[in-house]
């Protein structure tokens, strides 16, 4: 396919663009910033620019088959709340509306683990968390992600041929980030905010590819995380210490992710291939547990 990727110059976007191209797709990177020659500069808050860039760009492409929408202010607190809301909400509406006007019926969009209730200052309703309980946005950033999902629900109702898949990505990591992971064991509260989860960018890209290939018409949402936690301490110990009153609904495993990816596995065929443990020696992990 020819695929437009918004935010293809970002941390996850770079890996998504590379992966899709390696799979044989033609990829058009639409972003505000990037390395010269690798992207088309577009302000996604300007609908005219969005619909024009998706419809075609001289010397680049003459239309696309699908859109992967990753561009956004990527976390709470980076800009003011109102700036975050205006940028992210309007950008997503413009991308969805451009697809509608141009007859593009396959969209994969970046949602967020934050809609699950992060940073879990109010504990989750149960562990492992999944997609079955109502969204609990606790920040403006998260609120927008929830509203984007709600918008998608209405758009696919209007057009039964439209497929919009929202991927609720966990905290995106690259191999260079993994050296810091062993230190997390010293304090269980350091990463309790997302149940000690993460996602390797390469597996995030795999999820995008699986959604493009396997998502059916309509709307669906999926948690996308690594198969394991960021901790070497066992899950039962972590949950007992930090969330002692939260019901446990499934086997926790020693270090299995507590952000359930069973639905993504079952429906999309997603299967994480990468772990921080493959990049950090056992000696380094054990050293992090020794008294200082």
C-alpha atoms as a PDB file:
ATOM      1  CA  UNK A   1       0.000   0.000   0.000  1.00  0.00           C
ATOM      2  CA  UNK A   2       0.883   3.659  -0.149  1.00  0.00           C
ATOM      3  CA  UNK A   3       0.539   4.897   3.414  1.00  0.00           C
ATOM      4  CA  UNK A   4       0.624   8.397   4.879  1.00  0.00           C
ATOM      5  CA  UNK A   5       2.215   8.444   8.329  1.00  0.00           C
ATOM      6  CA  UNK A   6       1.696  11.610  10.338  1.00  0.00           C
ATOM      7  CA  UNK A   7       4.406  12.228  12.895  1.00  0.00           C
ATOM      8  CA  UNK A   8       6.773   9.927  11.039  1.00  0.00           C
ATOM      9  CA  UNK A   9       9.780  11.870  12.362  1.00  0.00           C
ATOM     10  CA  UNK A  10       8.938  11.157  16.022  1.00  0.00           C
ATOM     11  CA  UNK A  11      10.287   8.471  18.336  1.00  0.00           C
ATOM     12  CA  UNK A  12       7.744   5.834  17.377  1.00  0.00           C
ATOM     13  CA  UNK A  13       7.126   7.317  13.942  1.00  0.00           C
ATOM     14  CA  UNK A  14      10.683   6.764  12.714  1.00  0.00           C
ATOM     15  CA  UNK A  15      10.450   3.073  13.524  1.00  0.00           C
ATOM     16  CA  UNK A  16       6.985   2.762  11.976  1.00  0.00           C
ATOM     17  CA  UNK A  17       8.137   4.413   8.740  1.00  0.00           C
ATOM     18  CA  UNK A  18      11.207   2.183   8.524  1.00  0.00           C
ATOM     19  CA  UNK A  19       9.242  -0.988   9.295  1.00  0.00           C
ATOM     20  CA  UNK A  20       6.489  -0.315   6.774  1.00  0.00           C
ATOM     21  CA  UNK A  21       9.035   0.426   4.073  1.00  0.00           C
ATOM     22  CA  UNK A  22      10.911  -2.788   4.876  1.00  0.00           C
ATOM     23  CA  UNK A  23       7.611  -4.617   4.398  1.00  0.00           C
ATOM     24  CA  UNK A  24       7.352  -3.194   0.892  1.00  0.00           C
ATOM     25  CA  UNK A  25       4.910  -0.342   1.426  1.00  0.00           C
ATOM     26  CA  UNK A  26       5.429   3.140   0.020  1.00  0.00           C
ATOM     27  CA  UNK A  27       5.369   5.570   2.933  1.00  0.00           C
ATOM     28  CA  UNK A  28       4.767   9.324   2.919  1.00  0.00           C
ATOM     29  CA  UNK A  29       5.919  11.057   6.118  1.00  0.00           C
ATOM     30  CA  UNK A  30       3.791  14.098   7.001  1.00  0.00           C
ATOM     31  CA  UNK A  31       5.245  16.068   9.903  1.00  0.00           C
ATOM     32  CA  UNK A  32       6.197  19.545  11.061  1.00  0.00           C
ATOM     33  CA  UNK A  33       9.844  18.657  11.598  1.00  0.00           C
ATOM     34  CA  UNK A  34      12.341  16.107  10.386  1.00  0.00           C
ATOM     35  CA  UNK A  35      15.493  15.471   8.422  1.00  0.00           C
ATOM     36  CA  UNK A  36      15.483  17.273   5.102  1.00  0.00           C
ATOM     37  CA  UNK A  37      14.312  15.099   2.237  1.00  0.00           C
ATOM     38  CA  UNK A  38      12.622  12.526   4.468  1.00  0.00           C
ATOM     39  CA  UNK A  39       9.284  14.237   5.073  1.00  0.00           C
ATOM     40  CA  UNK A  40       6.702  16.681   3.745  1.00  0.00           C
ATOM     41  CA  UNK A  41       6.146  19.570   6.123  1.00  0.00           C
ATOM     42  CA  UNK A  42       2.490  19.888   7.102  1.00  0.00           C
ATOM     43  CA  UNK A  43       0.724  21.808   9.859  1.00  0.00           C
ATOM     44  CA  UNK A  44      -1.946  19.305  10.842  1.00  0.00           C
ATOM     45  CA  UNK A  45      -4.026  21.988  12.544  1.00  0.00           C
ATOM     46  CA  UNK A  46      -4.611  23.517   9.072  1.00  0.00           C
ATOM     47  CA  UNK A  47      -7.234  21.396   7.305  1.00  0.00           C
ATOM     48  CA  UNK A  48      -6.342  22.762   3.887  1.00  0.00           C
ATOM     49  CA  UNK A  49      -2.752  21.599   4.260  1.00  0.00           C
ATOM     50  CA  UNK A  50      -3.847  18.197   5.563  1.00  0.00           C
ATOM     51  CA  UNK A  51      -6.339  17.329   2.843  1.00  0.00           C
ATOM     52  CA  UNK A  52      -3.984  18.634   0.156  1.00  0.00           C
ATOM     53  CA  UNK A  53      -0.988  16.680   1.463  1.00  0.00           C
ATOM     54  CA  UNK A  54      -2.988  13.470   1.773  1.00  0.00           C
ATOM     55  CA  UNK A  55      -4.502  13.903  -1.686  1.00  0.00           C
ATOM     56  CA  UNK A  56      -1.095  14.350  -3.296  1.00  0.00           C
ATOM     57  CA  UNK A  57       2.211  16.218  -3.231  1.00  0.00           C
ATOM     58  CA  UNK A  58       4.161  17.061  -6.395  1.00  0.00           C
ATOM     59  CA  UNK A  59       7.205  14.805  -6.833  1.00  0.00           C
ATOM     60  CA  UNK A  60       6.153  12.689  -3.830  1.00  0.00           C
ATOM     61  CA  UNK A  61       2.815  10.942  -4.381  1.00  0.00           C
ATOM     62  CA  UNK A  62      -0.643  11.255  -5.922  1.00  0.00           C
ATOM     63  CA  UNK A  63      -2.775   9.851  -3.118  1.00  0.00           C
ATOM     64  CA  UNK A  64      -2.653   7.188  -0.422  1.00  0.00           C
ATOM     65  CA  UNK A  65      -4.470   3.967   0.468  1.00  0.00           C
ATOM     66  CA  UNK A  66      -4.288   4.292   4.254  1.00  0.00           C
ATOM     67  CA  UNK A  67      -3.318   6.678   7.031  1.00  0.00           C
ATOM     68  CA  UNK A  68      -1.337   6.022  10.202  1.00  0.00           C
ATOM     69  CA  UNK A  69      -1.898   8.979  12.512  1.00  0.00           C
ATOM     70  CA  UNK A  70       0.859   9.289  15.131  1.00  0.00           C
ATOM     71  CA  UNK A  71       1.451  13.048  15.225  1.00  0.00           C
ATOM     72  CA  UNK A  72       0.615  14.799  18.494  1.00  0.00           C
ATOM     73  CA  UNK A  73       2.021  16.652  21.430  1.00  0.00           C
ATOM     74  CA  UNK A  74       3.088  13.323  22.946  1.00  0.00           C
ATOM     75  CA  UNK A  75       2.513  13.696  26.681  1.00  0.00           C
ATOM     76  CA  UNK A  76       0.924  15.846  29.380  1.00  0.00           C
ATOM     77  CA  UNK A  77       2.788  18.888  30.636  1.00  0.00           C
ATOM     78  CA  UNK A  78       4.930  19.611  27.576  1.00  0.00           C
ATOM     79  CA  UNK A  79       2.748  22.574  26.631  1.00  0.00           C
ATOM     80  CA  UNK A  80      -0.129  24.311  28.355  1.00  0.00           C
ATOM     81  CA  UNK A  81      -3.309  22.264  28.643  1.00  0.00           C
ATOM     82  CA  UNK A  82      -5.163  24.455  26.168  1.00  0.00           C
ATOM     83  CA  UNK A  83      -2.354  24.232  23.618  1.00  0.00           C
ATOM     84  CA  UNK A  84      -2.299  20.456  23.990  1.00  0.00           C
ATOM     85  CA  UNK A  85      -6.061  20.236  23.522  1.00  0.00           C
ATOM     86  CA  UNK A  86      -6.186  22.560  20.524  1.00  0.00           C
ATOM     87  CA  UNK A  87      -3.272  20.922  18.723  1.00  0.00           C
ATOM     88  CA  UNK A  88      -4.128  17.279  19.299  1.00  0.00           C
ATOM     89  CA  UNK A  89      -7.896  17.422  18.955  1.00  0.00           C
ATOM     90  CA  UNK A  90      -7.887  19.589  15.838  1.00  0.00           C
ATOM     91  CA  UNK A  91      -5.081  17.620  14.201  1.00  0.00           C
ATOM     92  CA  UNK A  92      -6.913  14.340  14.635  1.00  0.00           C
ATOM     93  CA  UNK A  93     -10.207  15.746  13.396  1.00  0.00           C
ATOM     94  CA  UNK A  94      -8.455  17.161  10.337  1.00  0.00           C
ATOM     95  CA  UNK A  95      -6.786  13.829   9.546  1.00  0.00           C
ATOM     96  CA  UNK A  96     -10.033  11.905   9.949  1.00  0.00           C
ATOM     97  CA  UNK A  97     -11.967  14.482   7.945  1.00  0.00           C
ATOM     98  CA  UNK A  98      -9.380  14.458   5.150  1.00  0.00           C
ATOM     99  CA  UNK A  99      -9.696  10.681   4.943  1.00  0.00           C
ATOM    100  CA  UNK A 100     -13.466  11.018   4.774  1.00  0.00           C
ATOM    101  CA  UNK A 101     -13.347  13.608   1.983  1.00  0.00           C
ATOM    102  CA  UNK A 102     -10.849  11.564  -0.025  1.00  0.00           C
ATOM    103  CA  UNK A 103     -12.542   8.185   0.396  1.00  0.00           C
ATOM    104  CA  UNK A 104      -9.731   6.622   2.448  1.00  0.00           C
ATOM    105  CA  UNK A 105     -11.258   3.872   4.575  1.00  0.00           C
ATOM    106  CA  UNK A 106      -8.303   2.455   6.524  1.00  0.00           C
ATOM    107  CA  UNK A 107      -6.923   4.453   9.464  1.00  0.00           C
ATOM    108  CA  UNK A 108      -4.682   3.397  12.333  1.00  0.00           C
ATOM    109  CA  UNK A 109      -4.395   6.049  15.023  1.00  0.00           C
ATOM    110  CA  UNK A 110      -2.255   6.409  18.131  1.00  0.00           C
ATOM    111  CA  UNK A 111      -4.319   6.400  21.289  1.00  0.00           C
ATOM    112  CA  UNK A 112      -2.639   6.022  24.668  1.00  0.00           C
ATOM    113  CA  UNK A 113      -2.359   3.882  27.773  1.00  0.00           C
ATOM    114  CA  UNK A 114      -3.258   7.048  29.690  1.00  0.00           C
ATOM    115  CA  UNK A 115      -6.958   6.531  28.950  1.00  0.00           C
ATOM    116  CA  UNK A 116      -6.813   3.552  31.331  1.00  0.00           C
ATOM    117  CA  UNK A 117      -6.517   5.928  34.285  1.00  0.00           C
ATOM    118  CA  UNK A 118      -2.817   6.739  34.426  1.00  0.00           C
ATOM    119  CA  UNK A 119      -0.967   7.678  36.550  1.00  0.00           C
ATOM    120  CA  UNK A 120      -3.086   5.382  38.749  1.00  0.00           C
ATOM    121  CA  UNK A 121      -3.107   7.740  41.718  1.00  0.00           C
ATOM    122  CA  UNK A 122      -6.620   6.318  41.853  1.00  0.00           C
ATOM    123  CA  UNK A 123      -5.918   2.579  41.606  1.00  0.00           C
ATOM    124  CA  UNK A 124      -7.159   0.655  38.563  1.00  0.00           C
ATOM    125  CA  UNK A 125     -10.415  -1.306  38.967  1.00  0.00           C
ATOM    126  CA  UNK A 126      -8.555  -4.591  38.577  1.00  0.00           C
ATOM    127  CA  UNK A 127      -5.224  -6.046  37.466  1.00  0.00           C
ATOM    128  CA  UNK A 128      -4.215  -6.836  34.752  1.00  0.00           C
ATOM    129  CA  UNK A 129      -5.992  -3.873  33.131  1.00  0.00           C
ATOM    130  CA  UNK A 130      -7.660  -4.317  29.758  1.00  0.00           C
ATOM    131  CA  UNK A 131      -9.933  -2.551  27.270  1.00  0.00           C
ATOM    132  CA  UNK A 132     -13.180  -3.602  28.927  1.00  0.00           C
ATOM    133  CA  UNK A 133     -13.676  -0.892  31.534  1.00  0.00           C
ATOM    134  CA  UNK A 134     -14.680   2.700  30.613  1.00  0.00           C
ATOM    135  CA  UNK A 135     -11.963   5.215  29.857  1.00  0.00           C
ATOM    136  CA  UNK A 136     -10.666   7.187  32.861  1.00  0.00           C
ATOM    137  CA  UNK A 137      -8.722  10.180  31.513  1.00  0.00           C
ATOM    138  CA  UNK A 138      -6.846  12.030  34.264  1.00  0.00           C
ATOM    139  CA  UNK A 139      -5.178  14.774  32.185  1.00  0.00           C
ATOM    140  CA  UNK A 140      -6.023  17.023  29.261  1.00  0.00           C
ATOM    141  CA  UNK A 141      -3.754  14.938  27.050  1.00  0.00           C
ATOM    142  CA  UNK A 142      -5.594  11.773  28.044  1.00  0.00           C
ATOM    143  CA  UNK A 143      -8.980  13.446  27.696  1.00  0.00           C
ATOM    144  CA  UNK A 144      -8.175  14.255  24.078  1.00  0.00           C
ATOM    145  CA  UNK A 145      -7.181  10.656  23.392  1.00  0.00           C
ATOM    146  CA  UNK A 146     -10.528   9.521  24.815  1.00  0.00           C
ATOM    147  CA  UNK A 147     -12.417  12.077  22.728  1.00  0.00           C
ATOM    148  CA  UNK A 148     -10.534  10.958  19.619  1.00  0.00           C
ATOM    149  CA  UNK A 149     -11.703   7.396  20.233  1.00  0.00           C
ATOM    150  CA  UNK A 150     -15.283   8.630  20.706  1.00  0.00           C
ATOM    151  CA  UNK A 151     -15.060  10.602  17.458  1.00  0.00           C
ATOM    152  CA  UNK A 152     -13.888   7.491  15.642  1.00  0.00           C
ATOM    153  CA  UNK A 153     -16.896   5.551  16.959  1.00  0.00           C
ATOM    154  CA  UNK A 154     -19.258   8.067  15.372  1.00  0.00           C
ATOM    155  CA  UNK A 155     -17.360   8.258  12.095  1.00  0.00           C
ATOM    156  CA  UNK A 156     -17.492   4.518  11.507  1.00  0.00           C
ATOM    157  CA  UNK A 157     -21.205   4.603  12.355  1.00  0.00           C
ATOM    158  CA  UNK A 158     -21.652   7.111   9.544  1.00  0.00           C
ATOM    159  CA  UNK A 159     -19.587   4.991   7.141  1.00  0.00           C
ATOM    160  CA  UNK A 160     -19.789   1.209   7.660  1.00  0.00           C
ATOM    161  CA  UNK A 161     -16.869   0.671   5.252  1.00  0.00           C
ATOM    162  CA  UNK A 162     -14.506   2.770   7.358  1.00  0.00           C
ATOM    163  CA  UNK A 163     -11.953   1.041   9.608  1.00  0.00           C
ATOM    164  CA  UNK A 164     -10.375   3.034  12.452  1.00  0.00           C
ATOM    165  CA  UNK A 165      -8.088   1.213  14.874  1.00  0.00           C
ATOM    166  CA  UNK A 166      -6.920   3.003  18.016  1.00  0.00           C
ATOM    167  CA  UNK A 167      -3.704   1.591  19.456  1.00  0.00           C
ATOM    168  CA  UNK A 168      -3.302   2.440  23.133  1.00  0.00           C
ATOM    169  CA  UNK A 169       0.487   2.493  23.150  1.00  0.00           C
ATOM    170  CA  UNK A 170       2.391   2.100  26.374  1.00  0.00           C
ATOM    171  CA  UNK A 171       5.528   4.162  27.109  1.00  0.00           C
ATOM    172  CA  UNK A 172       7.629   3.887  23.926  1.00  0.00           C
ATOM    173  CA  UNK A 173      11.238   2.813  24.389  1.00  0.00           C
ATOM    174  CA  UNK A 174      14.238   2.308  22.111  1.00  0.00           C
ATOM    175  CA  UNK A 175      17.145  -0.053  22.891  1.00  0.00           C
ATOM    176  CA  UNK A 176      19.247   2.931  24.014  1.00  0.00           C
ATOM    177  CA  UNK A 177      16.766   3.508  26.846  1.00  0.00           C
ATOM    178  CA  UNK A 178      17.153   0.084  28.428  1.00  0.00           C
ATOM    179  CA  UNK A 179      20.342   0.684  30.396  1.00  0.00           C
ATOM    180  CA  UNK A 180      18.252   2.655  32.913  1.00  0.00           C
ATOM    181  CA  UNK A 181      15.776  -0.146  33.549  1.00  0.00           C
ATOM    182  CA  UNK A 182      17.597  -2.134  36.291  1.00  0.00           C
ATOM    183  CA  UNK A 183      17.469   0.903  38.569  1.00  0.00           C
ATOM    184  CA  UNK A 184      13.667   0.772  38.633  1.00  0.00           C
ATOM    185  CA  UNK A 185      13.738  -2.242  40.965  1.00  0.00           C
ATOM    186  CA  UNK A 186      14.926  -0.127  43.891  1.00  0.00           C
ATOM    187  CA  UNK A 187      11.577   1.665  44.220  1.00  0.00           C
ATOM    188  CA  UNK A 188       8.326   0.008  43.134  1.00  0.00           C
ATOM    189  CA  UNK A 189       6.558   3.368  43.020  1.00  0.00           C
ATOM    190  CA  UNK A 190       8.851   4.857  40.346  1.00  0.00           C
ATOM    191  CA  UNK A 191       6.957   3.127  37.554  1.00  0.00           C
ATOM    192  CA  UNK A 192       3.670   2.239  39.240  1.00  0.00           C
ATOM    193  CA  UNK A 193       2.060   5.031  37.201  1.00  0.00           C
ATOM    194  CA  UNK A 194       1.592   2.652  34.252  1.00  0.00           C
ATOM    195  CA  UNK A 195       1.760  -0.701  36.070  1.00  0.00           C
ATOM    196  CA  UNK A 196       5.452  -0.997  35.214  1.00  0.00           C
ATOM    197  CA  UNK A 197       4.714  -1.183  31.486  1.00  0.00           C
ATOM    198  CA  UNK A 198       6.511  -0.157  28.291  1.00  0.00           C
ATOM    199  CA  UNK A 199       6.573  -0.901  24.564  1.00  0.00           C
ATOM    200  CA  UNK A 200       9.623  -1.408  22.392  1.00  0.00           C
ATOM    201  CA  UNK A 201       9.261   0.863  19.364  1.00  0.00           C
ATOM    202  CA  UNK A 202       9.840  -2.063  17.022  1.00  0.00           C
ATOM    203  CA  UNK A 203       6.885  -3.908  18.524  1.00  0.00           C
ATOM    204  CA  UNK A 204       4.841  -0.721  18.336  1.00  0.00           C
ATOM    205  CA  UNK A 205       5.561  -0.681  14.612  1.00  0.00           C
ATOM    206  CA  UNK A 206       4.584  -4.334  14.390  1.00  0.00           C
ATOM    207  CA  UNK A 207       1.218  -3.482  15.955  1.00  0.00           C
ATOM    208  CA  UNK A 208       0.655  -0.758  13.354  1.00  0.00           C
ATOM    209  CA  UNK A 209       1.461  -3.204  10.573  1.00  0.00           C
ATOM    210  CA  UNK A 210      -0.855  -5.850  12.026  1.00  0.00           C
ATOM    211  CA  UNK A 211      -3.678  -3.327  12.351  1.00  0.00           C
ATOM    212  CA  UNK A 212      -3.274  -2.176   8.749  1.00  0.00           C
ATOM    213  CA  UNK A 213      -3.411  -5.767   7.570  1.00  0.00           C
ATOM    214  CA  UNK A 214      -6.010  -7.307   9.870  1.00  0.00           C
ATOM    215  CA  UNK A 215      -8.408  -4.683  11.242  1.00  0.00           C
ATOM    216  CA  UNK A 216     -11.998  -5.064  10.098  1.00  0.00           C
ATOM    217  CA  UNK A 217     -14.402  -2.255   9.176  1.00  0.00           C
ATOM    218  CA  UNK A 218     -15.638  -0.413  12.248  1.00  0.00           C
ATOM    219  CA  UNK A 219     -13.808   0.860  15.308  1.00  0.00           C
ATOM    220  CA  UNK A 220     -11.738  -1.041  17.819  1.00  0.00           C
ATOM    221  CA  UNK A 221      -9.166  -0.230  20.484  1.00  0.00           C
ATOM    222  CA  UNK A 222      -6.186  -2.244  21.654  1.00  0.00           C
ATOM    223  CA  UNK A 223      -3.619  -1.953  24.437  1.00  0.00           C
ATOM    224  CA  UNK A 224      -0.155  -2.269  22.906  1.00  0.00           C
ATOM    225  CA  UNK A 225       2.618  -3.108  25.356  1.00  0.00           C
ATOM    226  CA  UNK A 226       5.655  -5.329  25.690  1.00  0.00           C
ATOM    227  CA  UNK A 227       5.113  -8.868  26.923  1.00  0.00           C
ATOM    228  CA  UNK A 228       6.952  -8.117  30.172  1.00  0.00           C
ATOM    229  CA  UNK A 229       7.275  -5.356  32.764  1.00  0.00           C
ATOM    230  CA  UNK A 230      10.210  -3.014  33.335  1.00  0.00           C
ATOM    231  CA  UNK A 231      10.962  -4.828  36.618  1.00  0.00           C
ATOM    232  CA  UNK A 232      12.848  -7.946  37.650  1.00  0.00           C
ATOM    233  CA  UNK A 233      10.865  -8.018  40.912  1.00  0.00           C
ATOM    234  CA  UNK A 234       7.915 -10.417  40.613  1.00  0.00           C
ATOM    235  CA  UNK A 235       4.455  -9.077  39.850  1.00  0.00           C
ATOM    236  CA  UNK A 236       2.843 -10.589  42.926  1.00  0.00           C
ATOM    237  CA  UNK A 237       5.292  -8.721  45.152  1.00  0.00           C
ATOM    238  CA  UNK A 238       4.784  -5.427  43.293  1.00  0.00           C
ATOM    239  CA  UNK A 239       1.003  -5.597  43.349  1.00  0.00           C
ATOM    240  CA  UNK A 240       0.909  -6.566  47.022  1.00  0.00           C
ATOM    241  CA  UNK A 241       3.143  -3.612  47.903  1.00  0.00           C
ATOM    242  CA  UNK A 242       1.627  -0.866  45.731  1.00  0.00           C
ATOM    243  CA  UNK A 243      -1.949  -1.954  44.973  1.00  0.00           C
ATOM    244  CA  UNK A 244      -2.850  -4.294  47.859  1.00  0.00           C
ATOM    245  CA  UNK A 245      -6.625  -3.700  47.624  1.00  0.00           C
ATOM    246  CA  UNK A 246      -7.011  -4.044  43.845  1.00  0.00           C
ATOM    247  CA  UNK A 247      -8.672  -7.269  42.653  1.00  0.00           C
ATOM    248  CA  UNK A 248      -6.460  -9.582  40.616  1.00  0.00           C
ATOM    249  CA  UNK A 249      -8.444 -11.101  37.790  1.00  0.00           C
ATOM    250  CA  UNK A 250      -5.880 -13.305  36.046  1.00  0.00           C
ATOM    251  CA  UNK A 251      -2.606 -15.077  36.586  1.00  0.00           C
ATOM    252  CA  UNK A 252       0.057 -12.411  36.946  1.00  0.00           C
ATOM    253  CA  UNK A 253       3.069 -14.438  35.865  1.00  0.00           C
ATOM    254  CA  UNK A 254       6.484 -13.597  37.239  1.00  0.00           C
ATOM    255  CA  UNK A 255       7.109 -10.562  35.050  1.00  0.00           C
ATOM    256  CA  UNK A 256       4.287 -10.684  32.493  1.00  0.00           C
ATOM    257  CA  UNK A 257       2.827  -7.367  31.403  1.00  0.00           C
ATOM    258  CA  UNK A 258       0.040  -6.075  33.617  1.00  0.00           C
ATOM    259  CA  UNK A 259      -1.280  -4.073  30.651  1.00  0.00           C
ATOM    260  CA  UNK A 260      -3.184  -6.908  29.025  1.00  0.00           C
ATOM    261  CA  UNK A 261      -2.306  -7.463  25.360  1.00  0.00           C
ATOM    262  CA  UNK A 262      -4.479 -10.551  24.980  1.00  0.00           C
ATOM    263  CA  UNK A 263      -7.035  -8.771  22.787  1.00  0.00           C
ATOM    264  CA  UNK A 264      -4.319  -7.469  20.429  1.00  0.00           C
ATOM    265  CA  UNK A 265      -2.846 -10.948  20.249  1.00  0.00           C
ATOM    266  CA  UNK A 266      -6.204 -12.543  19.522  1.00  0.00           C
ATOM    267  CA  UNK A 267      -7.662 -10.043  17.059  1.00  0.00           C
ATOM    268  CA  UNK A 268      -4.654  -8.462  15.352  1.00  0.00           C
ATOM    269  CA  UNK A 269      -2.125 -11.278  15.583  1.00  0.00           C
ATOM    270  CA  UNK A 270       0.194  -8.996  17.551  1.00  0.00           C
ATOM    271  CA  UNK A 271       3.043 -10.719  19.367  1.00  0.00           C
ATOM    272  CA  UNK A 272       5.878  -8.742  21.002  1.00  0.00           C
ATOM    273  CA  UNK A 273       9.339  -9.858  19.924  1.00  0.00           C
ATOM    274  CA  UNK A 274      11.524  -7.478  21.911  1.00  0.00           C
ATOM    275  CA  UNK A 275      12.349  -7.132  25.606  1.00  0.00           C
ATOM    276  CA  UNK A 276      14.627  -4.850  27.553  1.00  0.00           C
ATOM    277  CA  UNK A 277      16.067  -8.018  29.110  1.00  0.00           C
ATOM    278  CA  UNK A 278      17.690  -8.849  25.770  1.00  0.00           C
ATOM    279  CA  UNK A 279      19.743  -5.635  26.003  1.00  0.00           C
ATOM    280  CA  UNK A 280      20.752  -5.594  29.687  1.00  0.00           C
ATOM    281  CA  UNK A 281      22.998  -8.252  31.188  1.00  0.00           C
ATOM    282  CA  UNK A 282      21.848 -10.361  34.108  1.00  0.00           C
ATOM    283  CA  UNK A 283      24.832  -9.000  36.063  1.00  0.00           C
ATOM    284  CA  UNK A 284      23.633  -5.419  35.603  1.00  0.00           C
ATOM    285  CA  UNK A 285      20.120  -6.328  36.698  1.00  0.00           C
ATOM    286  CA  UNK A 286      21.399  -8.184  39.774  1.00  0.00           C
ATOM    287  CA  UNK A 287      23.721  -5.312  40.695  1.00  0.00           C
ATOM    288  CA  UNK A 288      20.750  -2.961  40.804  1.00  0.00           C
ATOM    289  CA  UNK A 289      19.301  -5.036  43.658  1.00  0.00           C
ATOM    290  CA  UNK A 290      22.390  -4.835  45.878  1.00  0.00           C
ATOM    291  CA  UNK A 291      22.447  -2.329  48.767  1.00  0.00           C
ATOM    292  CA  UNK A 292      24.239   0.905  47.923  1.00  0.00           C
END
